[in-house]
C-alpha atoms as a PDB file:
ATOM      1  CA  MET A   1       4.119 -11.668  13.705  1.00  0.00           C
ATOM      2  CA  ALA A   2       3.203 -10.777  10.102  1.00  0.00           C
ATOM      3  CA  GLU A   3       0.562  -8.271  11.199  1.00  0.00           C
ATOM      4  CA  ASP A   4       3.069  -6.324  13.298  1.00  0.00           C
ATOM      5  CA  VAL A   5       5.537  -6.246  10.390  1.00  0.00           C
ATOM      6  CA  LEU A   6       2.827  -4.820   8.131  1.00  0.00           C
ATOM      7  CA  PHE A   7       1.911  -2.112  10.643  1.00  0.00           C
ATOM      8  CA  ARG A   8       5.607  -1.326  11.164  1.00  0.00           C
ATOM      9  CA  ARG A   9       6.053  -0.772   7.434  1.00  0.00           C
ATOM     10  CA  ILE A  10       2.984   1.448   7.300  1.00  0.00           C
ATOM     11  CA  ALA A  11       4.204   3.466  10.299  1.00  0.00           C
ATOM     12  CA  GLY A  12       7.597   3.801   8.618  1.00  0.00           C
ATOM     13  CA  ALA A  13       6.007   5.116   5.421  1.00  0.00           C
ATOM     14  CA  VAL A  14       3.963   7.638   7.424  1.00  0.00           C
ATOM     15  CA  VAL A  15       6.966   8.872   9.435  1.00  0.00           C
ATOM     16  CA  VAL A  16       9.174   9.183   6.335  1.00  0.00           C
ATOM     17  CA  SER A  17       6.410  11.055   4.482  1.00  0.00           C
ATOM     18  CA  LEU A  18       5.824  13.477   7.362  1.00  0.00           C
ATOM     19  CA  PHE A  19       9.536  14.223   7.729  1.00  0.00           C
ATOM     20  CA  ALA A  20       9.988  14.588   3.961  1.00  0.00           C
ATOM     21  CA  VAL A  21       7.188  17.163   3.715  1.00  0.00           C
ATOM     22  CA  SER A  22       8.462  19.049   6.750  1.00  0.00           C
ATOM     23  CA  LEU A  23      12.119  19.064   5.677  1.00  0.00           C
ATOM     24  CA  TYR A  24      11.323  20.136   2.122  1.00  0.00           C
ATOM     25  CA  TYR A  25       9.250  23.173   3.084  1.00  0.00           C
ATOM     26  CA  ARG A  26      11.465  24.181   6.023  1.00  0.00           C
ATOM     27  CA  HIS A  27      14.621  23.953   3.894  1.00  0.00           C
ATOM     28  CA  ARG A  28      12.965  25.941   1.131  1.00  0.00           C
ATOM     29  CA  ALA A  29      11.874  28.713   3.522  1.00  0.00           C
ATOM     30  CA  ASP A  30      15.308  28.842   5.218  1.00  0.00           C
ATOM     31  CA  LYS A  31      17.072  28.956   1.844  1.00  0.00           C
ATOM     32  CA  VAL A  32      15.047  31.966   0.734  1.00  0.00           C
ATOM     33  CA  GLY A  33      14.585  33.824   4.006  1.00  0.00           C
ATOM     34  CA  GLY A  34      17.430  32.500   6.181  1.00  0.00           C
ATOM     35  CA  ARG A  35      17.161  30.502   9.391  1.00  0.00           C
ATOM     36  CA  VAL A  36      15.192  32.094  12.201  1.00  0.00           C
ATOM     37  CA  THR A  37      16.776  31.780  15.639  1.00  0.00           C
ATOM     38  CA  ARG A  38      14.970  30.466  18.722  1.00  0.00           C
ATOM     39  CA  ASP A  39      16.546  32.988  21.091  1.00  0.00           C
ATOM     40  CA  ASP A  40      13.225  34.598  22.038  1.00  0.00           C
ATOM     41  CA  GLU A  41      11.752  31.349  23.367  1.00  0.00           C
ATOM     42  CA  PRO A  42      11.968  30.658  27.116  1.00  0.00           C
ATOM     43  CA  MET A  43      14.650  28.105  27.962  1.00  0.00           C
ATOM     44  CA  PRO A  44      12.241  25.721  29.788  1.00  0.00           C
ATOM     45  CA  ILE A  45      10.108  25.441  26.635  1.00  0.00           C
ATOM     46  CA  ARG A  46      13.128  24.960  24.383  1.00  0.00           C
ATOM     47  CA  LEU A  47      14.620  22.372  26.714  1.00  0.00           C
ATOM     48  CA  GLY A  48      11.316  20.571  27.206  1.00  0.00           C
ATOM     49  CA  LEU A  49      10.680  20.351  23.455  1.00  0.00           C
ATOM     50  CA  SER A  50      14.227  19.051  22.915  1.00  0.00           C
ATOM     51  CA  VAL A  51      13.762  16.330  25.540  1.00  0.00           C
ATOM     52  CA  ALA A  52      10.350  15.351  24.132  1.00  0.00           C
ATOM     53  CA  GLY A  53      11.789  15.262  20.616  1.00  0.00           C
ATOM     54  CA  LEU A  54      14.644  13.048  21.784  1.00  0.00           C
ATOM     55  CA  MET A  55      12.199  10.674  23.505  1.00  0.00           C
ATOM     56  CA  GLY A  56      10.124  10.460  20.335  1.00  0.00           C
ATOM     57  CA  PHE A  57      13.173   9.898  18.144  1.00  0.00           C
ATOM     58  CA  VAL A  58      14.525   7.146  20.407  1.00  0.00           C
ATOM     59  CA  GLY A  59      11.095   5.492  20.498  1.00  0.00           C
ATOM     60  CA  LEU A  60      10.805   5.524  16.705  1.00  0.00           C
ATOM     61  CA  LEU A  61      14.360   4.241  16.303  1.00  0.00           C
ATOM     62  CA  LEU A  62      13.694   1.332  18.654  1.00  0.00           C
ATOM     63  CA  TYR A  63      10.323   0.589  17.054  1.00  0.00           C
ATOM     64  CA  PHE A  64      11.836   0.315  13.575  1.00  0.00           C
ATOM     65  CA  ILE A  65      15.221  -1.243  14.401  1.00  0.00           C
ATOM     66  CA  TRP A  66      14.695  -3.299  17.569  1.00  0.00           C
ATOM     67  CA  PRO A  67      10.945  -3.646  18.277  1.00  0.00           C
ATOM     68  CA  PRO A  68      11.291  -5.961  21.312  1.00  0.00           C
ATOM     69  CA  ALA A  69      12.788  -3.038  23.236  1.00  0.00           C
ATOM     70  CA  LEU A  70       9.306  -1.459  23.314  1.00  0.00           C
ATOM     71  CA  ASP A  71       7.389  -4.633  24.193  1.00  0.00           C
ATOM     72  CA  TRP A  72       6.792  -3.312  27.723  1.00  0.00           C
ATOM     73  CA  THR A  73       4.901  -0.308  26.262  1.00  0.00           C
ATOM     74  CA  LEU A  74       2.497  -2.297  24.077  1.00  0.00           C
ATOM     75  CA  LEU A  75      -1.260  -2.098  24.555  1.00  0.00           C
ATOM     76  CA  PRO A  76      -3.737  -4.873  23.665  1.00  0.00           C
ATOM     77  CA  LEU A  77      -5.475  -2.903  20.892  1.00  0.00           C
ATOM     78  CA  PRO A  78      -7.807  -4.637  18.417  1.00  0.00           C
ATOM     79  CA  THR A  79      -6.661  -4.766  14.800  1.00  0.00           C
ATOM     80  CA  GLN A  80      -9.617  -2.614  13.683  1.00  0.00           C
ATOM     81  CA  LEU A  81      -8.425   0.196  15.939  1.00  0.00           C
ATOM     82  CA  ARG A  82      -4.930  -0.053  14.493  1.00  0.00           C
ATOM     83  CA  TRP A  83      -6.379   0.261  10.972  1.00  0.00           C
ATOM     84  CA  THR A  84      -8.283   3.328  12.165  1.00  0.00           C
ATOM     85  CA  GLY A  85      -4.886   4.688  13.201  1.00  0.00           C
ATOM     86  CA  VAL A  86      -3.579   3.977   9.680  1.00  0.00           C
ATOM     87  CA  ALA A  87      -6.447   5.970   8.151  1.00  0.00           C
ATOM     88  CA  ILE A  88      -5.871   8.916  10.512  1.00  0.00           C
ATOM     89  CA  ALA A  89      -2.096   8.794   9.970  1.00  0.00           C
ATOM     90  CA  THR A  90      -2.591   8.852   6.201  1.00  0.00           C
ATOM     91  CA  LEU A  91      -4.900  11.832   6.588  1.00  0.00           C
ATOM     92  CA  SER A  92      -2.256  13.562   8.708  1.00  0.00           C
ATOM     93  CA  VAL A  93       0.300  13.257   5.893  1.00  0.00           C
ATOM     94  CA  ALA A  94      -2.082  14.957   3.461  1.00  0.00           C
ATOM     95  CA  SER A  95      -2.916  17.556   6.108  1.00  0.00           C
ATOM     96  CA  ALA A  96       0.789  18.254   6.763  1.00  0.00           C
ATOM     97  CA  TRP A  97       1.339  18.885   3.061  1.00  0.00           C
ATOM     98  CA  TRP A  98      -1.686  21.251   3.025  1.00  0.00           C
ATOM     99  CA  VAL A  99      -0.424  23.171   6.070  1.00  0.00           C
ATOM    100  CA  PHE A 100       3.147  23.557   4.802  1.00  0.00           C
ATOM    101  CA  ARG A 101       2.073  24.404   1.247  1.00  0.00           C
ATOM    102  CA  THR A 102      -0.286  27.078   2.581  1.00  0.00           C
ATOM    103  CA  LEU A 103       2.389  28.557   4.863  1.00  0.00           C
ATOM    104  CA  GLY A 104       4.909  28.633   2.031  1.00  0.00           C
ATOM    105  CA  LEU A 105       7.966  30.741   2.863  1.00  0.00           C
ATOM    106  CA  ASN A 106       6.516  31.749   6.254  1.00  0.00           C
ATOM    107  CA  VAL A 107       7.596  28.416   7.819  1.00  0.00           C
ATOM    108  CA  THR A 108       9.933  28.677  10.817  1.00  0.00           C
ATOM    109  CA  ARG A 109      11.131  26.290  13.536  1.00  0.00           C
ATOM    110  CA  THR A 110      10.392  28.834  16.213  1.00  0.00           C
ATOM    111  CA  SER A 111       7.784  31.252  17.519  1.00  0.00           C
ATOM    112  CA  LYS A 112       9.532  34.144  15.761  1.00  0.00           C
ATOM    113  CA  THR A 113       7.966  35.740  12.699  1.00  0.00           C
ATOM    114  CA  ARG A 114      10.106  36.199   9.592  1.00  0.00           C
ATOM    115  CA  ASP A 115      10.978  39.777   8.638  1.00  0.00           C
ATOM    116  CA  ASN A 116       9.258  39.346   5.267  1.00  0.00           C
ATOM    117  CA  ALA A 117       6.334  37.307   6.640  1.00  0.00           C
ATOM    118  CA  THR A 118       2.809  37.496   5.285  1.00  0.00           C
ATOM    119  CA  LEU A 119      -0.322  36.861   7.328  1.00  0.00           C
ATOM    120  CA  VAL A 120      -1.718  33.490   6.227  1.00  0.00           C
ATOM    121  CA  THR A 121      -5.489  33.138   6.677  1.00  0.00           C
ATOM    122  CA  THR A 122      -6.347  30.695   3.882  1.00  0.00           C
ATOM    123  CA  GLY A 123      -6.419  26.911   3.561  1.00  0.00           C
ATOM    124  CA  PRO A 124      -6.302  25.190   6.967  1.00  0.00           C
ATOM    125  CA  TYR A 125      -5.642  28.580   8.569  1.00  0.00           C
ATOM    126  CA  ARG A 126      -9.237  29.525   7.806  1.00  0.00           C
ATOM    127  CA  ILE A 127     -10.288  26.782  10.219  1.00  0.00           C
ATOM    128  CA  VAL A 128      -7.843  27.236  13.139  1.00  0.00           C
ATOM    129  CA  ARG A 129      -4.885  29.493  13.853  1.00  0.00           C
ATOM    130  CA  HIS A 130      -2.435  26.655  14.525  1.00  0.00           C
ATOM    131  CA  PRO A 131      -3.272  23.735  12.217  1.00  0.00           C
ATOM    132  CA  PHE A 132       0.331  22.523  12.323  1.00  0.00           C
ATOM    133  CA  TYR A 133       0.101  21.713  16.038  1.00  0.00           C
ATOM    134  CA  VAL A 134      -3.313  20.109  15.558  1.00  0.00           C
ATOM    135  CA  ASN A 135      -1.796  17.941  12.845  1.00  0.00           C
ATOM    136  CA  VAL A 136       1.118  16.920  15.083  1.00  0.00           C
ATOM    137  CA  ALA A 137      -1.406  15.696  17.663  1.00  0.00           C
ATOM    138  CA  LEU A 138      -3.359  13.895  14.943  1.00  0.00           C
ATOM    139  CA  ALA A 139      -0.272  12.232  13.443  1.00  0.00           C
ATOM    140  CA  PHE A 140       1.301  10.967  16.637  1.00  0.00           C
ATOM    141  CA  GLY A 141      -2.005   9.995  18.188  1.00  0.00           C
ATOM    142  CA  ALA A 142      -2.562   7.879  15.070  1.00  0.00           C
ATOM    143  CA  LEU A 143       0.948   6.440  15.272  1.00  0.00           C
ATOM    144  CA  SER A 144       0.247   5.412  18.861  1.00  0.00           C
ATOM    145  CA  LEU A 145      -2.680   3.365  17.558  1.00  0.00           C
ATOM    146  CA  VAL A 146      -0.706   1.881  14.663  1.00  0.00           C
ATOM    147  CA  THR A 147       2.241   0.920  16.881  1.00  0.00           C
ATOM    148  CA  ARG A 148      -0.087   0.137  19.815  1.00  0.00           C
ATOM    149  CA  SER A 149       2.503   1.699  22.095  1.00  0.00           C
ATOM    150  CA  TRP A 150       1.771   4.255  24.809  1.00  0.00           C
ATOM    151  CA  TRP A 151       5.374   5.480  24.497  1.00  0.00           C
ATOM    152  CA  PHE A 152       4.459   7.970  21.768  1.00  0.00           C
ATOM    153  CA  ILE A 153       1.551   9.416  23.747  1.00  0.00           C
ATOM    154  CA  ALA A 154       3.857   9.713  26.785  1.00  0.00           C
ATOM    155  CA  TRP A 155       6.115  12.176  24.971  1.00  0.00           C
ATOM    156  CA  ILE A 156       3.720  13.854  22.552  1.00  0.00           C
ATOM    157  CA  VAL A 157       1.298  15.049  25.261  1.00  0.00           C
ATOM    158  CA  PRO A 158       3.940  17.100  27.154  1.00  0.00           C
ATOM    159  CA  ALA A 159       5.326  18.321  23.817  1.00  0.00           C
ATOM    160  CA  LEU A 160       1.865  19.539  22.772  1.00  0.00           C
ATOM    161  CA  ILE A 161       1.397  21.300  26.117  1.00  0.00           C
ATOM    162  CA  LEU A 162       4.726  23.091  25.603  1.00  0.00           C
ATOM    163  CA  LEU A 163       3.786  23.989  22.017  1.00  0.00           C
ATOM    164  CA  ALA A 164       0.451  25.355  23.239  1.00  0.00           C
ATOM    165  CA  MET A 165       2.340  27.491  25.766  1.00  0.00           C
ATOM    166  CA  ARG A 166       4.671  28.650  22.985  1.00  0.00           C
ATOM    167  CA  THR A 167       1.722  29.876  20.905  1.00  0.00           C
ATOM    168  CA  ARG A 168       1.296  32.795  23.338  1.00  0.00           C
ATOM    169  CA  LYS A 169       4.689  34.153  22.301  1.00  0.00           C
ATOM    170  CA  GLU A 170       4.050  33.259  18.674  1.00  0.00           C
ATOM    171  CA  GLU A 171       0.739  35.102  18.637  1.00  0.00           C
ATOM    172  CA  ALA A 172       2.231  38.122  20.403  1.00  0.00           C
ATOM    173  CA  ASN A 173       4.863  38.276  17.637  1.00  0.00           C
ATOM    174  CA  LEU A 174       2.183  37.981  14.957  1.00  0.00           C
ATOM    175  CA  GLU A 175       0.120  40.735  16.562  1.00  0.00           C
ATOM    176  CA  ALA A 176       3.192  42.991  16.747  1.00  0.00           C
ATOM    177  CA  CYS A 177       3.873  42.311  13.071  1.00  0.00           C
ATOM    178  CA  PHE A 178       0.369  42.495  11.593  1.00  0.00           C
ATOM    179  CA  GLY A 179      -1.591  44.582  14.123  1.00  0.00           C
ATOM    180  CA  ASP A 180      -5.311  44.980  13.401  1.00  0.00           C
ATOM    181  CA  ALA A 181      -5.264  42.396  10.609  1.00  0.00           C
ATOM    182  CA  TRP A 182      -4.035  39.757  13.076  1.00  0.00           C
ATOM    183  CA  ARG A 183      -6.503  40.826  15.764  1.00  0.00           C
ATOM    184  CA  ALA A 184      -9.416  40.562  13.317  1.00  0.00           C
ATOM    185  CA  TYR A 185      -8.227  37.141  12.167  1.00  0.00           C
ATOM    186  CA  ALA A 186      -7.766  35.890  15.751  1.00  0.00           C
ATOM    187  CA  ALA A 187     -11.231  37.149  16.705  1.00  0.00           C
ATOM    188  CA  ARG A 188     -12.914  34.977  14.080  1.00  0.00           C
ATOM    189  CA  THR A 189     -10.680  31.872  14.260  1.00  0.00           C
ATOM    190  CA  GLY A 190     -10.128  29.419  17.107  1.00  0.00           C
ATOM    191  CA  ARG A 191      -6.598  28.657  18.278  1.00  0.00           C
ATOM    192  CA  PHE A 192      -6.796  24.854  18.004  1.00  0.00           C
ATOM    193  CA  VAL A 193     -10.520  24.163  17.666  1.00  0.00           C
ATOM    194  CA  PRO A 194     -12.755  25.771  15.001  1.00  0.00           C
ATOM    195  CA  ARG A 195     -14.837  28.650  16.261  1.00  0.00           C
ATOM    196  CA  LEU A 196     -18.422  27.808  15.346  1.00  0.00           C
ATOM    197  CA  ALA A 197     -20.051  31.162  16.125  1.00  0.00           C
ATOM    198  CA  ARG A 198     -18.531  33.932  14.038  1.00  0.00           C
END
């Protein structure tokens, strides 16, 4: 169906854009500051995120290369809702660029803080403490609408729960690194949802 081909191309452009932004800024940070290990993360979280990532990767691969393999996951979504997903997905690409650009060389693949890290409280970090995770939810929720497949929700929800659990360790590391400055920032900024009363 021509409509499905169009949405597949749009989804492909979104996925490629998201990965390009992520890879560029992560590579840049690792090149300057070295790779940060994940050895301080609990094994269940590391394993769970790896499994969820594999599920997502397989789903995307099937969706782009052999779409009929995911026919059993398709939902009867109206076209207007799929276009809403396109708009949100496009917004998520711009948001990802904003998050990574604001983080700069502080980007890591783990909950560890870089030795030369700076406390980032500007840009999207003025709104919430973990805009990257919010954007992941936004992007893959939108992709679920565009692809009209529940497969992507099935793996992104557990992944987001694990990432939310990981933020406890991440925030403990940030507090150990930045002390009172982090505590003041955390007191005025919501973790995933903006804090209205400040």
